[in-house]
C-alpha atoms as a PDB file:
ATOM      1  CA  UNK A   1      -3.251  -7.162   0.049  1.00  0.00           C
ATOM      2  CA  UNK A   2      -3.837  -4.966   3.054  1.00  0.00           C
ATOM      3  CA  UNK A   3      -5.254  -1.461   2.579  1.00  0.00           C
ATOM      4  CA  UNK A   4      -1.895  -0.023   3.645  1.00  0.00           C
ATOM      5  CA  UNK A   5      -0.069  -2.044   0.956  1.00  0.00           C
ATOM      6  CA  UNK A   6      -2.466  -0.807  -1.712  1.00  0.00           C
ATOM      7  CA  UNK A   7      -2.014   2.800  -0.522  1.00  0.00           C
ATOM      8  CA  UNK A   8       1.792   2.475  -0.673  1.00  0.00           C
ATOM      9  CA  UNK A   9       1.605   0.964  -4.179  1.00  0.00           C
ATOM     10  CA  UNK A  10      -0.833   3.621  -5.417  1.00  0.00           C
ATOM     11  CA  UNK A  11       1.222   6.506  -4.044  1.00  0.00           C
ATOM     12  CA  UNK A  12       4.368   5.095  -5.711  1.00  0.00           C
ATOM     13  CA  UNK A  13       2.513   4.915  -9.041  1.00  0.00           C
ATOM     14  CA  UNK A  14       1.168   8.453  -8.566  1.00  0.00           C
ATOM     15  CA  UNK A  15       4.706   9.762  -8.008  1.00  0.00           C
ATOM     16  CA  UNK A  16       6.010   8.051 -11.155  1.00  0.00           C
ATOM     17  CA  UNK A  17       3.011   8.687 -13.438  1.00  0.00           C
ATOM     18  CA  UNK A  18       3.822  12.325 -14.396  1.00  0.00           C
ATOM     19  CA  UNK A  19       7.172  11.359 -15.920  1.00  0.00           C
ATOM     20  CA  UNK A  20       7.390  11.976 -19.649  1.00  0.00           C
ATOM     21  CA  UNK A  21       9.609   8.884 -19.943  1.00  0.00           C
ATOM     22  CA  UNK A  22       6.678   6.445 -19.642  1.00  0.00           C
ATOM     23  CA  UNK A  23       3.846   6.175 -22.164  1.00  0.00           C
ATOM     24  CA  UNK A  24       1.892   3.663 -20.075  1.00  0.00           C
ATOM     25  CA  UNK A  25       1.646   3.216 -16.283  1.00  0.00           C
ATOM     26  CA  UNK A  26      -0.299   0.238 -14.887  1.00  0.00           C
ATOM     27  CA  UNK A  27      -1.071  -1.299 -11.508  1.00  0.00           C
ATOM     28  CA  UNK A  28      -1.500  -4.823 -12.896  1.00  0.00           C
ATOM     29  CA  UNK A  29       0.884  -7.146 -14.786  1.00  0.00           C
ATOM     30  CA  UNK A  30       0.749  -6.110 -18.415  1.00  0.00           C
ATOM     31  CA  UNK A  31       2.046  -7.618 -21.659  1.00  0.00           C
ATOM     32  CA  UNK A  32       2.787  -4.507 -23.619  1.00  0.00           C
ATOM     33  CA  UNK A  33       2.365  -3.951 -27.303  1.00  0.00           C
ATOM     34  CA  UNK A  34       5.251  -2.101 -28.985  1.00  0.00           C
ATOM     35  CA  UNK A  35       3.196   1.104 -29.286  1.00  0.00           C
ATOM     36  CA  UNK A  36       2.688   1.120 -25.473  1.00  0.00           C
ATOM     37  CA  UNK A  37       6.418   1.148 -24.693  1.00  0.00           C
ATOM     38  CA  UNK A  38       7.923   2.493 -22.598  1.00  0.00           C
ATOM     39  CA  UNK A  39       5.812   0.855 -19.925  1.00  0.00           C
ATOM     40  CA  UNK A  40       5.890   1.084 -16.143  1.00  0.00           C
ATOM     41  CA  UNK A  41       4.030  -1.435 -13.969  1.00  0.00           C
ATOM     42  CA  UNK A  42       3.858  -0.904 -10.199  1.00  0.00           C
ATOM     43  CA  UNK A  43       2.736  -4.025  -8.341  1.00  0.00           C
ATOM     44  CA  UNK A  44       2.246  -4.899  -4.685  1.00  0.00           C
ATOM     45  CA  UNK A  45       3.805  -8.311  -5.155  1.00  0.00           C
ATOM     46  CA  UNK A  46       3.985  -9.858  -1.677  1.00  0.00           C
ATOM     47  CA  UNK A  47       2.946  -8.626   1.773  1.00  0.00           C
ATOM     48  CA  UNK A  48       4.371 -10.704   4.617  1.00  0.00           C
ATOM     49  CA  UNK A  49       2.866 -10.055   8.049  1.00  0.00           C
ATOM     50  CA  UNK A  50       4.625 -11.018  11.271  1.00  0.00           C
ATOM     51  CA  UNK A  51       3.405 -10.448  14.806  1.00  0.00           C
ATOM     52  CA  UNK A  52       4.643  -7.158  16.234  1.00  0.00           C
ATOM     53  CA  UNK A  53       5.570  -8.072  19.797  1.00  0.00           C
ATOM     54  CA  UNK A  54       3.500 -10.528  21.819  1.00  0.00           C
ATOM     55  CA  UNK A  55       0.671 -11.850  19.615  1.00  0.00           C
ATOM     56  CA  UNK A  56      -1.393 -12.722  22.702  1.00  0.00           C
ATOM     57  CA  UNK A  57      -1.798  -9.156  23.918  1.00  0.00           C
ATOM     58  CA  UNK A  58      -4.177  -6.594  22.517  1.00  0.00           C
ATOM     59  CA  UNK A  59      -5.667  -6.499  19.065  1.00  0.00           C
ATOM     60  CA  UNK A  60      -3.727  -8.005  16.151  1.00  0.00           C
ATOM     61  CA  UNK A  61      -0.719  -5.896  15.242  1.00  0.00           C
ATOM     62  CA  UNK A  62       1.862  -6.688  12.589  1.00  0.00           C
ATOM     63  CA  UNK A  63       5.204  -5.745  11.092  1.00  0.00           C
ATOM     64  CA  UNK A  64       4.902  -5.910   7.311  1.00  0.00           C
ATOM     65  CA  UNK A  65       7.500  -6.634   4.664  1.00  0.00           C
ATOM     66  CA  UNK A  66       5.885  -5.499   1.428  1.00  0.00           C
ATOM     67  CA  UNK A  67       7.624  -6.327  -1.830  1.00  0.00           C
ATOM     68  CA  UNK A  68       6.869  -3.767  -4.505  1.00  0.00           C
ATOM     69  CA  UNK A  69       7.706  -5.053  -7.962  1.00  0.00           C
ATOM     70  CA  UNK A  70       8.242  -2.203 -10.385  1.00  0.00           C
ATOM     71  CA  UNK A  71       8.701  -3.280 -13.970  1.00  0.00           C
ATOM     72  CA  UNK A  72      10.098  -1.075 -16.724  1.00  0.00           C
ATOM     73  CA  UNK A  73       9.770  -2.221 -20.356  1.00  0.00           C
ATOM     74  CA  UNK A  74      11.389  -0.405 -23.289  1.00  0.00           C
ATOM     75  CA  UNK A  75      12.401  -0.997 -26.910  1.00  0.00           C
ATOM     76  CA  UNK A  76      15.177   0.408 -29.110  1.00  0.00           C
ATOM     77  CA  UNK A  77      16.894  -0.155 -32.437  1.00  0.00           C
ATOM     78  CA  UNK A  78      20.258  -1.121 -30.916  1.00  0.00           C
ATOM     79  CA  UNK A  79      21.544  -2.822 -27.809  1.00  0.00           C
ATOM     80  CA  UNK A  80      23.458   0.301 -26.745  1.00  0.00           C
ATOM     81  CA  UNK A  81      20.388   2.512 -27.070  1.00  0.00           C
ATOM     82  CA  UNK A  82      18.362  -0.076 -25.148  1.00  0.00           C
ATOM     83  CA  UNK A  83      20.853  -0.084 -22.267  1.00  0.00           C
ATOM     84  CA  UNK A  84      20.754   3.705 -22.073  1.00  0.00           C
ATOM     85  CA  UNK A  85      16.933   3.854 -22.090  1.00  0.00           C
ATOM     86  CA  UNK A  86      16.561   1.101 -19.491  1.00  0.00           C
ATOM     87  CA  UNK A  87      19.233   2.542 -17.195  1.00  0.00           C
ATOM     88  CA  UNK A  88      17.755   6.055 -17.385  1.00  0.00           C
ATOM     89  CA  UNK A  89      14.242   4.861 -16.512  1.00  0.00           C
ATOM     90  CA  UNK A  90      15.422   2.513 -13.762  1.00  0.00           C
ATOM     91  CA  UNK A  91      17.419   5.307 -12.130  1.00  0.00           C
ATOM     92  CA  UNK A  92      14.427   7.646 -12.419  1.00  0.00           C
ATOM     93  CA  UNK A  93      12.233   5.153 -10.558  1.00  0.00           C
ATOM     94  CA  UNK A  94      14.770   4.626  -7.770  1.00  0.00           C
ATOM     95  CA  UNK A  95      15.595   8.334  -7.394  1.00  0.00           C
ATOM     96  CA  UNK A  96      11.938   9.379  -7.414  1.00  0.00           C
ATOM     97  CA  UNK A  97      10.823   6.891  -4.766  1.00  0.00           C
ATOM     98  CA  UNK A  98      13.853   6.781  -2.490  1.00  0.00           C
ATOM     99  CA  UNK A  99      14.191  10.586  -2.371  1.00  0.00           C
ATOM    100  CA  UNK A 100      10.507  11.407  -1.845  1.00  0.00           C
ATOM    101  CA  UNK A 101       9.836  12.515   1.743  1.00  0.00           C
ATOM    102  CA  UNK A 102       6.077  12.112   1.245  1.00  0.00           C
ATOM    103  CA  UNK A 103       6.331   8.528   0.027  1.00  0.00           C
ATOM    104  CA  UNK A 104       8.951   7.531   2.599  1.00  0.00           C
ATOM    105  CA  UNK A 105       6.788   8.976   5.399  1.00  0.00           C
ATOM    106  CA  UNK A 106       4.314   6.110   4.861  1.00  0.00           C
ATOM    107  CA  UNK A 107       7.036   3.568   5.638  1.00  0.00           C
ATOM    108  CA  UNK A 108       9.231   2.581   8.513  1.00  0.00           C
ATOM    109  CA  UNK A 109      12.016   1.932   6.047  1.00  0.00           C
ATOM    110  CA  UNK A 110      13.257   0.234   2.923  1.00  0.00           C
ATOM    111  CA  UNK A 111      14.739  -3.119   3.882  1.00  0.00           C
ATOM    112  CA  UNK A 112      16.191  -4.256   0.567  1.00  0.00           C
ATOM    113  CA  UNK A 113      16.260  -3.617  -3.149  1.00  0.00           C
ATOM    114  CA  UNK A 114      17.001  -5.876  -6.101  1.00  0.00           C
ATOM    115  CA  UNK A 115      17.169  -5.132  -9.814  1.00  0.00           C
ATOM    116  CA  UNK A 116      17.064  -7.742 -12.545  1.00  0.00           C
ATOM    117  CA  UNK A 117      17.292  -7.091 -16.280  1.00  0.00           C
ATOM    118  CA  UNK A 118      16.167  -9.127 -19.280  1.00  0.00           C
ATOM    119  CA  UNK A 119      16.835  -8.510 -22.984  1.00  0.00           C
ATOM    120  CA  UNK A 120      15.304  -9.958 -26.132  1.00  0.00           C
ATOM    121  CA  UNK A 121      15.474  -9.220 -29.819  1.00  0.00           C
ATOM    122  CA  UNK A 122      12.972  -9.458 -32.647  1.00  0.00           C
ATOM    123  CA  UNK A 123      14.620  -8.732 -35.976  1.00  0.00           C
ATOM    124  CA  UNK A 124      16.210  -5.284 -35.741  1.00  0.00           C
ATOM    125  CA  UNK A 125      14.270  -4.276 -32.629  1.00  0.00           C
ATOM    126  CA  UNK A 126      15.643  -4.823 -29.122  1.00  0.00           C
ATOM    127  CA  UNK A 127      13.342  -5.159 -26.110  1.00  0.00           C
ATOM    128  CA  UNK A 128      14.423  -4.725 -22.526  1.00  0.00           C
ATOM    129  CA  UNK A 129      12.766  -5.245 -19.185  1.00  0.00           C
ATOM    130  CA  UNK A 130      14.035  -4.259 -15.755  1.00  0.00           C
ATOM    131  CA  UNK A 131      12.330  -5.420 -12.573  1.00  0.00           C
ATOM    132  CA  UNK A 132      12.994  -3.455  -9.414  1.00  0.00           C
ATOM    133  CA  UNK A 133      11.971  -5.198  -6.202  1.00  0.00           C
ATOM    134  CA  UNK A 134      11.770  -2.920  -3.180  1.00  0.00           C
ATOM    135  CA  UNK A 135      11.121  -4.455   0.208  1.00  0.00           C
ATOM    136  CA  UNK A 136       9.395  -1.756   2.254  1.00  0.00           C
ATOM    137  CA  UNK A 137       8.622  -2.040   5.954  1.00  0.00           C
ATOM    138  CA  UNK A 138       5.578  -0.701   7.773  1.00  0.00           C
ATOM    139  CA  UNK A 139       3.298  -1.611  10.691  1.00  0.00           C
ATOM    140  CA  UNK A 140      -0.433  -2.120  11.041  1.00  0.00           C
ATOM    141  CA  UNK A 141      -2.783  -2.277  14.011  1.00  0.00           C
ATOM    142  CA  UNK A 142      -6.166  -3.986  13.622  1.00  0.00           C
ATOM    143  CA  UNK A 143      -8.603  -2.617  16.176  1.00  0.00           C
ATOM    144  CA  UNK A 144     -11.591  -4.903  16.732  1.00  0.00           C
ATOM    145  CA  UNK A 145     -14.910  -3.682  15.447  1.00  0.00           C
ATOM    146  CA  UNK A 146     -17.353  -3.765  18.333  1.00  0.00           C
ATOM    147  CA  UNK A 147     -20.930  -3.941  17.195  1.00  0.00           C
ATOM    148  CA  UNK A 148     -23.363  -2.360  19.625  1.00  0.00           C
ATOM    149  CA  UNK A 149     -26.870  -3.772  19.390  1.00  0.00           C
ATOM    150  CA  UNK A 150     -28.161  -1.593  22.221  1.00  0.00           C
ATOM    151  CA  UNK A 151     -30.546   0.970  20.780  1.00  0.00           C
ATOM    152  CA  UNK A 152     -31.710   2.265  24.139  1.00  0.00           C
ATOM    153  CA  UNK A 153     -30.038   2.565  27.510  1.00  0.00           C
ATOM    154  CA  UNK A 154     -32.024   2.526  30.776  1.00  0.00           C
ATOM    155  CA  UNK A 155     -30.305   4.117  33.730  1.00  0.00           C
ATOM    156  CA  UNK A 156     -31.726   4.142  37.241  1.00  0.00           C
ATOM    157  CA  UNK A 157     -30.197   6.515  39.792  1.00  0.00           C
ATOM    158  CA  UNK A 158     -30.738   6.733  43.543  1.00  0.00           C
ATOM    159  CA  UNK A 159     -29.287   9.100  46.130  1.00  0.00           C
ATOM    160  CA  UNK A 160     -25.916   7.971  47.481  1.00  0.00           C
ATOM    161  CA  UNK A 161     -26.179   5.755  50.547  1.00  0.00           C
ATOM    162  CA  UNK A 162     -29.802   4.642  49.996  1.00  0.00           C
ATOM    163  CA  UNK A 163     -30.814   1.055  49.344  1.00  0.00           C
ATOM    164  CA  UNK A 164     -32.982  -0.525  46.648  1.00  0.00           C
ATOM    165  CA  UNK A 165     -36.122   0.366  48.590  1.00  0.00           C
ATOM    166  CA  UNK A 166     -35.594   4.024  47.787  1.00  0.00           C
ATOM    167  CA  UNK A 167     -37.447   4.938  44.626  1.00  0.00           C
ATOM    168  CA  UNK A 168     -35.036   5.655  41.813  1.00  0.00           C
ATOM    169  CA  UNK A 169     -35.216   7.990  38.885  1.00  0.00           C
ATOM    170  CA  UNK A 170     -35.122   6.066  35.602  1.00  0.00           C
ATOM    171  CA  UNK A 171     -33.799   7.752  32.500  1.00  0.00           C
ATOM    172  CA  UNK A 172     -34.104   6.274  29.021  1.00  0.00           C
ATOM    173  CA  UNK A 173     -31.447   7.346  26.545  1.00  0.00           C
ATOM    174  CA  UNK A 174     -31.934   6.497  22.896  1.00  0.00           C
ATOM    175  CA  UNK A 175     -28.738   5.771  20.999  1.00  0.00           C
ATOM    176  CA  UNK A 176     -28.056   7.896  17.950  1.00  0.00           C
ATOM    177  CA  UNK A 177     -28.844   6.026  14.759  1.00  0.00           C
ATOM    178  CA  UNK A 178     -25.900   6.257  12.366  1.00  0.00           C
ATOM    179  CA  UNK A 179     -28.207   5.761   9.380  1.00  0.00           C
ATOM    180  CA  UNK A 180     -30.207   8.913  10.031  1.00  0.00           C
ATOM    181  CA  UNK A 181     -28.984  12.202   8.527  1.00  0.00           C
END
């Protein structure tokens, strides 16, 4: 993942973390134990890069389509209670992210959203999982890193209009060493 994708994922998780509706918030796929539910996982699932304009001009620059996969896992004693818990948490995630000016400022837009739900049952306990996929759009610009091996610059100056026979004044300029305090 690109650094920008990680920053977008982390800021989404930071926005959702304070909610009292989630016991556990993770940034990696997580098989939850029942005592960890309700669980929220925020994942940077896929980051597709496409050339932004002419790829043969300037440094590499891209339009990104980042798919954030946000998974909500809950449990309840009845199917009706499970639906209510899952719907409440799913709406909280969407409302928090899509109405946050600070989070949206990192993006160029939200291109698409998809929600899928899965239910299972173990005895009297119902488990539910909702996956929210948000396709967010942003751009990146990759300036080349130019390494400068010159530690010292020699500059010879002569009065304007004089040839090479005129003695010049040579100045030696030491480059600042980034490693020194």
